[in-house]
Amino acid sequence: MLRSLSAASEDLSGKRVIVRCDLNVPLKDGEITDDGRIRASLPTIKRLSDAGAKVIVVSHLGRPEGAPDEKYSLAPVATRLEQLLGQPVVFAADTVGAQAKAATKLLDNGGVVLLENLRFNPGEASKDDAERQAFAEQLAAYGDLLVSNGFGVVHRKQASVYELAKLLPSYAGDLVELEVSVLERLTDNAERPYTVVLGGAKVSDKLGVIEHLLPRVDKIVIGGGMVFTVLAAQGHDVAGSLLETDQLEVVRNFFAQAAELGVEIVLPTDIVVASGFSADADHETVSVDQIANTRFGASGMGLDIGPESGSRFAEVVSSSKTVFWNGPMGVFEFANFASGTRAVAQALTEVQGLAVVGGGDSAAAVRALGFDEASFGHISTGGGASLEYLEGKSLPGLEVLND
C-alpha cells in the first residue's frame, strides 16, 4: 500500500518539502516544445505551496554525463513553471552547491525553488550504491520530508528516487498515486472488451508487456515501426522498413500463445511506403503484401499504416471498454505519415470506458496533433515506467513508498 500525501498526518506549514518531479521535457533551441510533464506536476506543487510548505522541486532533464551541460539546464523549466504556477519560482543553478544551499535556506512558507538538473551530479544515476547514497544525503539536508511525484522515474534506482526516500519521511504525490491507480485498473479486472494498441520502433521493447497482458486482453493491435518485424514473421517482404531479424521467432511464438488464449491480433492491411526517412519523401500506399513492390524497390520503407488500417484500428479501439495505447502508428512528426496515429488517437477519445495513453511518444503525439488532453481518460507521464509496471516488474521508486 503506497504511503500517500493524503495520508500524511503532519502539518505541512513551514516544513521543507522536497518534491521529486519528472520535468524531463523536450527542448529545441532552448525552448520547451511540450510542457505536459510540467503541467502534470502542478497540482502537487500547488497543494504543498498552498499548505504553507517550503517547496524544493528537484528533477532531471535529458542524459548529461554526470556533469553540468548547458543544453540540459532546467532554467527554461523554471521559467515555465513560474508562469503556470502564477507565483515566483527561484532557480538555483546547482544541486548541492552554494546557490542551492542559499535558495533553500531563504525560502518563505509557500515559496518554491527549483534546483538545477540532478544528473549534473554523478551521484544521481551512479551504479555505485555508496555514491548514490552520498548524493542523497546531501539532498536530504534540504528537507524535512520527500514527496515522490515523478512517475516517469520510479522504475529507476537513482539517488533522488530511491535512497532519498529512505532517508526522509516519504510519500507518493498526487501524480504517482493517480498513475498507479490507473495502471492497477489495466491489470486487475479491467472491463471488457479490453484492447492494447502497440506501436513505436521496436517489437523487442514491447515483448514484456505483451507477455504479461496477453492472458488479460481480448485484442492486441500492432502498428508503428515494430509491425514490420511482425509482418516479416508472417512471411511478408518489408523491403527497407525497420526490422529486428533476431525477434522473428519470438514473434511467431507470441502468435501461437495468442491463438491458444483466443486473443485476436489486429495487424494493418495497408502501409504507406516512402522513398526515405524525411518529411517530404515520395510515398505511396500499398497492401502489406506489396511493400517490396513499390517504385522504391528494396529501399522503400514503411512510415505509417494506411487509411484502410487506420479505419479498422479506430473501429476496434472505439468499440472497446478498456484501451491501453503505447507507441505511435507511424512517424507522426511528419504530416504525411501522421494519419494512422491521428486515427487511433481520435478513436481513444470516443471510448466509452477507460482509455489510457501510455506516455512517451504517444503522449507527445496527442499534443502535437492538437487533441484536447481532457478528451482522454488518462495520459500517462511515464512511458518506460508504465510499461515496466504492466510487465509486472517491481519498481524501486514505488517499493520504497510501500508500507
Protein backbone atom coordinates (compact mmCIF):
# COMPACT_ATOMS: atom_id res chain seq x y z
CA MET A 1 0.00 0.00 0.00
CA LEU A 2 1.51 3.31 -1.09
CA ARG A 3 2.06 5.95 1.56
CA SER A 4 0.14 8.82 0.02
CA LEU A 5 0.46 12.53 0.64
CA SER A 6 -3.23 12.50 1.52
CA ALA A 7 -2.43 10.21 4.45
CA ALA A 8 0.42 12.39 5.80
CA SER A 9 -0.67 13.31 9.32
CA GLU A 10 1.75 16.16 9.88
CA ASP A 11 1.04 19.86 9.42
CA LEU A 12 2.99 20.90 6.33
CA SER A 13 3.11 24.61 7.12
CA GLY A 14 6.72 25.71 7.44
CA LYS A 15 8.01 22.22 6.56
CA ARG A 16 10.73 21.92 3.95
CA VAL A 17 9.32 19.51 1.37
CA ILE A 18 11.48 18.09 -1.41
CA VAL A 19 9.31 17.17 -4.39
CA ARG A 20 10.91 14.76 -6.85
CA CYS A 21 9.18 15.59 -10.14
CA ASP A 22 9.76 14.39 -13.67
CA LEU A 23 10.26 17.63 -15.59
CA ASN A 24 12.18 15.94 -18.40
CA VAL A 25 10.58 17.94 -21.19
CA PRO A 26 11.73 18.15 -24.83
CA LEU A 27 13.69 21.27 -25.74
CA LYS A 28 14.55 22.79 -29.10
CA ASP A 29 16.96 25.73 -29.22
CA GLY A 30 16.37 26.26 -25.52
CA GLU A 31 12.57 26.39 -25.93
CA ILE A 32 10.18 23.82 -24.40
CA THR A 33 8.24 22.10 -27.17
CA ASP A 34 5.89 20.09 -24.91
CA ASP A 35 5.18 21.18 -21.32
CA GLY A 36 2.87 18.26 -20.49
CA ARG A 37 5.07 16.89 -17.71
CA ILE A 38 5.34 20.31 -16.07
CA ARG A 39 1.56 20.74 -16.10
CA ALA A 40 1.08 17.22 -14.72
CA SER A 41 3.33 18.13 -11.76
CA LEU A 42 1.44 21.33 -10.88
CA PRO A 43 -1.38 20.01 -8.64
CA THR A 44 1.03 18.51 -6.10
CA ILE A 45 3.39 21.51 -6.10
CA LYS A 46 0.45 23.90 -5.72
CA ARG A 47 -1.12 21.80 -2.99
CA LEU A 48 2.09 21.89 -0.95
CA SER A 49 2.61 25.60 -1.54
CA ASP A 50 -0.97 26.38 -0.53
CA ALA A 51 -0.43 24.36 2.66
CA GLY A 52 2.43 26.71 3.56
CA ALA A 53 5.26 24.26 2.87
CA LYS A 54 8.65 25.42 1.66
CA VAL A 55 8.72 23.57 -1.66
CA ILE A 56 12.02 22.37 -3.10
CA VAL A 57 11.45 20.89 -6.58
CA VAL A 58 14.08 18.54 -7.98
CA SER A 59 14.21 16.79 -11.36
CA HIS A 60 16.46 15.60 -14.15
CA LEU A 61 16.42 16.55 -17.82
CA GLY A 62 17.97 14.51 -20.60
CA ARG A 63 21.07 12.39 -20.18
CA PRO A 64 24.02 14.58 -19.22
CA GLU A 65 27.10 12.59 -18.25
CA GLY A 66 27.17 13.48 -14.55
CA ALA A 67 28.48 17.00 -15.18
CA PRO A 68 26.93 20.41 -15.99
CA ASP A 69 25.88 20.77 -19.62
CA GLU A 70 24.07 23.97 -20.61
CA LYS A 71 21.81 22.29 -23.16
CA TYR A 72 20.30 20.18 -20.36
CA SER A 73 19.75 23.04 -17.92
CA LEU A 74 16.40 23.27 -16.13
CA ALA A 75 16.43 27.07 -16.40
CA PRO A 76 13.71 27.12 -19.15
CA VAL A 77 11.64 24.77 -16.99
CA ALA A 78 11.87 27.18 -14.04
CA THR A 79 10.52 29.98 -16.25
CA ARG A 80 7.62 27.85 -17.49
CA LEU A 81 6.85 26.51 -14.01
CA GLU A 82 6.66 30.07 -12.70
CA GLN A 83 4.23 31.02 -15.49
CA LEU A 84 1.98 28.03 -14.86
CA LEU A 85 2.02 28.32 -11.07
CA GLY A 86 1.35 32.06 -11.17
CA GLN A 87 3.92 32.70 -8.44
CA PRO A 88 7.70 33.23 -8.30
CA VAL A 89 9.94 30.20 -8.70
CA VAL A 90 13.54 30.67 -7.59
CA PHE A 91 16.03 28.81 -9.77
CA ALA A 92 19.23 27.54 -8.16
CA ALA A 93 21.88 26.91 -10.80
CA ASP A 94 23.38 23.97 -8.91
CA THR A 95 22.17 20.95 -6.92
CA VAL A 96 24.17 20.83 -3.70
CA GLY A 97 26.33 23.94 -4.14
CA ALA A 98 26.23 27.47 -2.76
CA GLN A 99 23.20 28.60 -4.78
CA ALA A 100 21.04 25.64 -3.79
CA LYS A 101 22.01 26.00 -0.13
CA ALA A 102 21.20 29.72 -0.12
CA ALA A 103 17.93 29.36 -2.05
CA THR A 104 16.59 26.57 0.15
CA LYS A 105 17.58 28.41 3.36
CA LEU A 106 15.85 31.66 2.32
CA LEU A 107 12.55 30.06 1.25
CA ASP A 108 9.41 31.51 2.78
CA ASN A 109 6.36 29.43 3.66
CA GLY A 110 4.56 28.68 0.39
CA GLY A 111 7.67 29.54 -1.63
CA VAL A 112 9.03 27.36 -4.45
CA VAL A 113 12.60 26.74 -5.57
CA LEU A 114 13.76 24.54 -8.46
CA LEU A 115 17.26 23.09 -8.25
CA GLU A 116 19.38 22.51 -11.34
CA ASN A 117 19.39 19.18 -13.17
CA LEU A 118 20.08 16.36 -10.70
CA ARG A 119 22.00 14.42 -13.32
CA PHE A 120 24.63 17.15 -13.40
CA ASN A 121 25.85 15.35 -10.27
CA PRO A 122 27.42 11.91 -10.93
CA GLY A 123 25.84 10.53 -7.75
CA GLU A 124 22.27 10.75 -9.04
CA ALA A 125 22.42 7.95 -11.61
CA SER A 126 25.59 6.20 -10.42
CA LYS A 127 25.68 2.41 -10.45
CA ASP A 128 27.67 2.62 -7.21
CA ASP A 129 25.37 2.39 -4.17
CA ALA A 130 27.72 4.42 -1.96
CA GLU A 131 27.96 7.25 -4.48
CA ARG A 132 24.18 7.44 -4.79
CA GLN A 133 23.81 7.32 -1.01
CA ALA A 134 26.29 10.19 -0.54
CA PHE A 135 24.40 12.40 -3.01
CA ALA A 136 21.05 11.50 -1.42
CA GLU A 137 22.41 12.52 2.00
CA GLN A 138 23.41 15.92 0.60
CA LEU A 139 19.91 16.40 -0.83
CA ALA A 140 18.25 15.20 2.38
CA ALA A 141 19.88 18.07 4.28
CA TYR A 142 17.49 20.45 2.47
CA GLY A 143 14.25 18.77 3.52
CA ASP A 144 12.04 17.52 6.32
CA LEU A 145 10.17 15.12 4.05
CA LEU A 146 10.08 13.88 0.46
CA VAL A 147 7.13 13.76 -1.90
CA SER A 148 7.80 11.40 -4.83
CA ASN A 149 5.83 12.82 -7.75
CA GLY A 150 7.87 11.80 -10.79
CA PHE A 151 6.18 8.67 -12.07
CA GLY A 152 8.42 8.64 -15.14
CA VAL A 153 11.43 7.75 -12.95
CA VAL A 154 10.01 5.31 -10.38
CA HIS A 155 11.47 2.40 -12.36
CA ARG A 156 14.97 3.81 -11.79
CA LYS A 157 17.06 3.09 -8.69
CA GLN A 158 18.51 6.59 -8.51
CA ALA A 159 19.57 8.74 -5.57
CA SER A 160 16.61 11.14 -5.56
CA VAL A 161 14.10 8.36 -6.27
CA TYR A 162 15.25 5.54 -4.01
CA GLU A 163 17.94 6.43 -1.46
CA LEU A 164 16.44 9.83 -0.63
CA ALA A 165 13.06 8.18 0.06
CA LYS A 166 14.77 6.01 2.69
CA LEU A 167 16.45 8.96 4.38
CA LEU A 168 13.37 11.17 4.84
CA PRO A 169 9.71 10.51 5.66
CA SER A 170 8.42 9.90 2.14
CA TYR A 171 5.05 9.91 0.42
CA ALA A 172 3.65 9.39 -3.06
CA GLY A 173 2.50 12.64 -4.64
CA ASP A 174 -0.88 13.05 -6.30
CA LEU A 175 0.51 12.24 -9.75
CA VAL A 176 2.20 8.99 -8.71
CA GLU A 177 -0.93 7.96 -6.82
CA LEU A 178 -3.08 8.64 -9.88
CA GLU A 179 -0.76 6.78 -12.25
CA VAL A 180 -0.67 3.69 -10.03
CA SER A 181 -4.45 3.65 -9.62
CA VAL A 182 -4.95 3.78 -13.41
CA LEU A 183 -2.37 1.05 -14.07
CA GLU A 184 -3.99 -1.15 -11.42
CA ARG A 185 -7.25 -0.86 -13.37
CA LEU A 186 -5.41 -2.02 -16.51
CA THR A 187 -4.02 -5.13 -14.81
CA ASP A 188 -6.78 -6.20 -12.41
CA ASN A 189 -10.33 -6.92 -13.55
CA ALA A 190 -10.35 -4.48 -16.47
CA GLU A 191 -13.72 -4.00 -18.14
CA ARG A 192 -14.04 -5.99 -21.39
CA PRO A 193 -13.58 -5.89 -24.29
CA TYR A 194 -10.01 -4.88 -23.48
CA THR A 195 -7.69 -3.77 -26.30
CA VAL A 196 -3.97 -2.97 -26.18
CA VAL A 197 -2.58 -0.85 -29.03
CA LEU A 198 1.18 -1.06 -29.52
CA GLY A 199 3.42 0.93 -31.85
CA GLY A 200 6.80 2.60 -31.80
CA ALA A 201 10.06 1.41 -33.25
CA LYS A 202 10.98 -1.94 -31.73
CA VAL A 203 8.98 -5.06 -31.02
CA SER A 204 11.69 -6.06 -28.51
CA ASP A 205 10.73 -3.07 -26.32
CA LYS A 206 7.16 -4.34 -26.02
CA LEU A 207 7.61 -8.11 -25.58
CA GLY A 208 7.45 -7.94 -21.78
CA VAL A 209 4.16 -6.07 -21.75
CA ILE A 210 2.72 -8.35 -24.45
CA GLU A 211 3.63 -11.45 -22.44
CA HIS A 212 2.16 -10.08 -19.19
CA LEU A 213 -1.06 -8.68 -20.68
CA LEU A 214 -1.78 -11.45 -23.18
CA PRO A 215 -3.89 -13.50 -20.73
CA ARG A 216 -5.80 -10.35 -19.68
CA VAL A 217 -6.87 -8.81 -23.01
CA ASP A 218 -9.20 -9.51 -25.93
CA LYS A 219 -7.29 -7.82 -28.76
CA ILE A 220 -3.77 -6.57 -29.45
CA VAL A 221 -3.47 -4.00 -32.24
CA ILE A 222 0.01 -3.52 -33.71
CA GLY A 223 1.34 -0.66 -35.84
CA GLY A 224 4.40 1.60 -35.95
CA GLY A 225 7.92 0.51 -36.82
CA MET A 226 7.55 -2.68 -34.79
CA VAL A 227 4.86 -4.02 -37.10
CA PHE A 228 7.37 -4.76 -39.86
CA THR A 229 9.09 -7.37 -37.72
CA VAL A 230 5.65 -8.89 -37.09
CA LEU A 231 4.79 -8.82 -40.81
CA ALA A 232 8.17 -10.34 -41.68
CA ALA A 233 7.50 -13.14 -39.18
CA GLN A 234 4.38 -13.90 -41.22
CA GLY A 235 6.42 -14.15 -44.41
CA HIS A 236 5.99 -10.65 -45.87
CA ASP A 237 8.91 -8.87 -47.58
CA VAL A 238 9.14 -5.50 -45.80
CA ALA A 239 11.86 -4.05 -48.10
CA GLY A 240 13.86 -1.32 -46.31
CA SER A 241 11.47 -0.99 -43.36
CA LEU A 242 12.64 -1.25 -39.77
CA LEU A 243 13.27 -4.92 -38.98
CA GLU A 244 14.57 -6.86 -35.97
CA THR A 245 15.57 -10.18 -37.52
CA ASP A 246 16.56 -11.62 -34.13
CA GLN A 247 12.95 -11.28 -32.93
CA LEU A 248 11.21 -13.19 -35.72
CA GLU A 249 10.98 -16.50 -33.86
CA VAL A 250 9.89 -14.73 -30.66
CA VAL A 251 7.06 -13.08 -32.59
CA ARG A 252 5.94 -16.41 -34.05
CA ASN A 253 5.77 -17.87 -30.53
CA PHE A 254 3.75 -14.88 -29.40
CA PHE A 255 1.25 -15.53 -32.21
CA ALA A 256 0.94 -19.16 -31.10
CA GLN A 257 0.31 -18.08 -27.50
CA ALA A 258 -2.34 -15.59 -28.61
CA ALA A 259 -4.11 -18.28 -30.62
CA GLU A 260 -4.17 -20.61 -27.59
CA LEU A 261 -5.64 -17.88 -25.42
CA GLY A 262 -8.17 -16.72 -28.01
CA VAL A 263 -6.64 -13.23 -28.24
CA GLU A 264 -7.10 -11.55 -31.63
CA ILE A 265 -4.02 -9.91 -33.14
CA VAL A 266 -5.07 -6.99 -35.36
CA LEU A 267 -2.47 -6.05 -37.98
CA PRO A 268 -2.50 -3.44 -40.76
CA THR A 269 -3.71 -4.44 -44.20
CA ASP A 270 -2.12 -1.46 -45.97
CA ILE A 271 1.06 0.54 -45.44
CA VAL A 272 2.34 3.96 -46.51
CA VAL A 273 5.74 3.24 -48.07
CA ALA A 274 8.23 6.09 -48.59
CA SER A 275 11.39 6.61 -50.60
CA GLY A 276 13.29 7.59 -47.46
CA PHE A 277 13.02 8.89 -43.93
CA SER A 278 12.11 12.54 -44.40
CA ALA A 279 9.05 14.78 -44.13
CA ASP A 280 8.82 15.34 -47.88
CA ALA A 281 9.76 11.82 -49.03
CA ASP A 282 7.90 10.50 -52.04
CA HIS A 283 5.39 7.86 -50.89
CA GLU A 284 2.58 5.55 -51.91
CA THR A 285 0.05 3.34 -50.14
CA VAL A 286 0.09 -0.38 -50.86
CA SER A 287 -1.27 -3.58 -49.33
CA VAL A 288 1.03 -5.36 -46.86
CA ASP A 289 1.98 -7.99 -49.43
CA GLN A 290 3.22 -5.32 -51.86
CA ILE A 291 5.64 -3.37 -49.62
CA ALA A 292 8.66 -4.56 -51.64
CA ASN A 293 6.94 -3.93 -54.97
CA THR A 294 6.63 -0.14 -54.96
CA ARG A 295 8.60 2.08 -57.31
CA PHE A 296 11.15 2.49 -54.49
CA GLY A 297 12.10 -1.17 -54.66
CA ALA A 298 14.13 -2.74 -51.87
CA SER A 299 14.91 0.67 -50.33
CA GLY A 300 11.26 1.59 -49.75
CA MET A 301 10.39 1.94 -46.08
CA GLY A 302 7.05 1.83 -44.34
CA LEU A 303 6.46 5.03 -42.35
CA ASP A 304 2.77 4.73 -41.45
CA ILE A 305 -0.20 2.40 -41.53
CA GLY A 306 -2.54 3.04 -44.48
CA PRO A 307 -6.04 4.57 -44.38
CA GLU A 308 -7.82 1.22 -44.51
CA SER A 309 -5.83 0.06 -41.49
CA GLY A 310 -6.44 3.35 -39.69
CA SER A 311 -10.19 2.87 -40.06
CA ARG A 312 -10.02 -0.74 -38.87
CA PHE A 313 -7.83 0.13 -35.86
CA ALA A 314 -10.16 3.01 -34.94
CA GLU A 315 -13.17 0.70 -35.11
CA VAL A 316 -11.54 -1.83 -32.76
CA VAL A 317 -10.45 0.88 -30.30
CA SER A 318 -13.70 2.85 -30.15
CA SER A 319 -15.76 -0.31 -29.57
CA SER A 320 -13.64 -1.37 -26.56
CA LYS A 321 -14.36 -0.66 -22.90
CA THR A 322 -10.71 -0.58 -21.82
CA VAL A 323 -7.82 0.56 -24.05
CA PHE A 324 -4.11 0.99 -23.35
CA TRP A 325 -2.11 2.63 -26.14
CA ASN A 326 1.67 2.85 -26.21
CA GLY A 327 3.58 3.89 -29.32
CA PRO A 328 2.62 5.86 -32.46
CA MET A 329 1.39 4.13 -35.62
CA GLY A 330 3.87 5.95 -37.84
CA VAL A 331 6.27 8.88 -37.99
CA PHE A 332 3.69 11.35 -36.65
CA GLU A 333 6.25 14.17 -36.59
CA PHE A 334 5.96 14.24 -40.40
CA ALA A 335 2.50 15.38 -41.57
CA ASN A 336 2.48 12.90 -44.47
CA PHE A 337 2.89 9.98 -42.07
CA ALA A 338 0.71 11.07 -39.13
CA SER A 339 -2.69 9.79 -40.29
CA GLY A 340 -2.53 6.39 -38.58
CA THR A 341 -1.57 7.88 -35.24
CA ARG A 342 -4.30 10.51 -35.57
CA ALA A 343 -6.91 7.83 -36.33
CA VAL A 344 -6.01 5.85 -33.20
CA ALA A 345 -5.88 8.96 -31.01
CA GLN A 346 -9.28 10.11 -32.26
CA ALA A 347 -10.74 6.66 -31.56
CA LEU A 348 -9.44 6.78 -27.99
CA THR A 349 -11.42 9.96 -27.37
CA GLU A 350 -14.57 8.02 -28.31
CA VAL A 351 -14.08 5.09 -25.93
CA GLN A 352 -16.98 4.63 -23.53
CA GLY A 353 -14.79 3.37 -20.72
CA LEU A 354 -11.14 3.70 -19.68
CA ALA A 355 -8.79 4.96 -22.43
CA VAL A 356 -5.15 5.33 -21.40
CA VAL A 357 -2.42 6.99 -23.47
CA GLY A 358 0.71 5.27 -22.23
CA GLY A 359 3.14 8.16 -22.02
CA GLY A 360 6.29 8.74 -24.05
CA ASP A 361 5.83 9.28 -27.79
CA SER A 362 2.09 8.54 -27.61
CA ALA A 363 1.56 11.41 -25.17
CA ALA A 364 3.73 13.68 -27.30
CA ALA A 365 1.74 12.69 -30.38
CA VAL A 366 -1.70 13.58 -28.99
CA ARG A 367 -0.42 17.02 -28.03
CA ALA A 368 1.49 17.56 -31.28
CA LEU A 369 -1.60 16.59 -33.28
CA GLY A 370 -3.73 19.13 -31.43
CA PHE A 371 -6.01 16.88 -29.37
CA ASP A 372 -7.64 18.18 -26.21
CA GLU A 373 -5.99 16.24 -23.37
CA ALA A 374 -9.25 16.26 -21.42
CA SER A 375 -10.73 14.04 -24.17
CA PHE A 376 -8.68 11.07 -22.95
CA GLY A 377 -9.32 9.03 -19.82
CA HIS A 378 -5.70 9.34 -18.75
CA ILE A 379 -2.42 10.43 -20.34
CA SER A 380 0.48 8.82 -18.52
CA THR A 381 3.65 10.76 -17.79
CA GLY A 382 5.81 7.65 -17.65
CA GLY A 383 6.31 5.64 -20.83
CA GLY A 384 9.05 3.30 -19.58
CA ALA A 385 7.68 3.16 -16.03
CA SER A 386 4.17 2.41 -17.31
CA LEU A 387 5.44 -0.45 -19.47
CA GLU A 388 7.52 -1.96 -16.65
CA TYR A 389 4.53 -1.78 -14.30
CA LEU A 390 2.36 -3.52 -16.90
CA GLU A 391 5.10 -6.13 -17.35
CA GLY A 392 4.67 -6.99 -13.66
CA LYS A 393 8.13 -5.75 -12.71
CA SER A 394 8.99 -4.37 -9.28
CA LEU A 395 9.64 -0.61 -9.49
CA PRO A 396 12.18 0.59 -6.88
CA GLY A 397 10.67 4.07 -6.58
CA LEU A 398 7.29 2.56 -5.66
CA GLU A 399 8.61 -0.24 -3.46
CA VAL A 400 10.32 2.30 -1.23
CA LEU A 401 6.98 4.10 -0.71
CA ASN A 402 5.12 0.96 0.36
CA ASP A 403 4.17 0.39 3.99
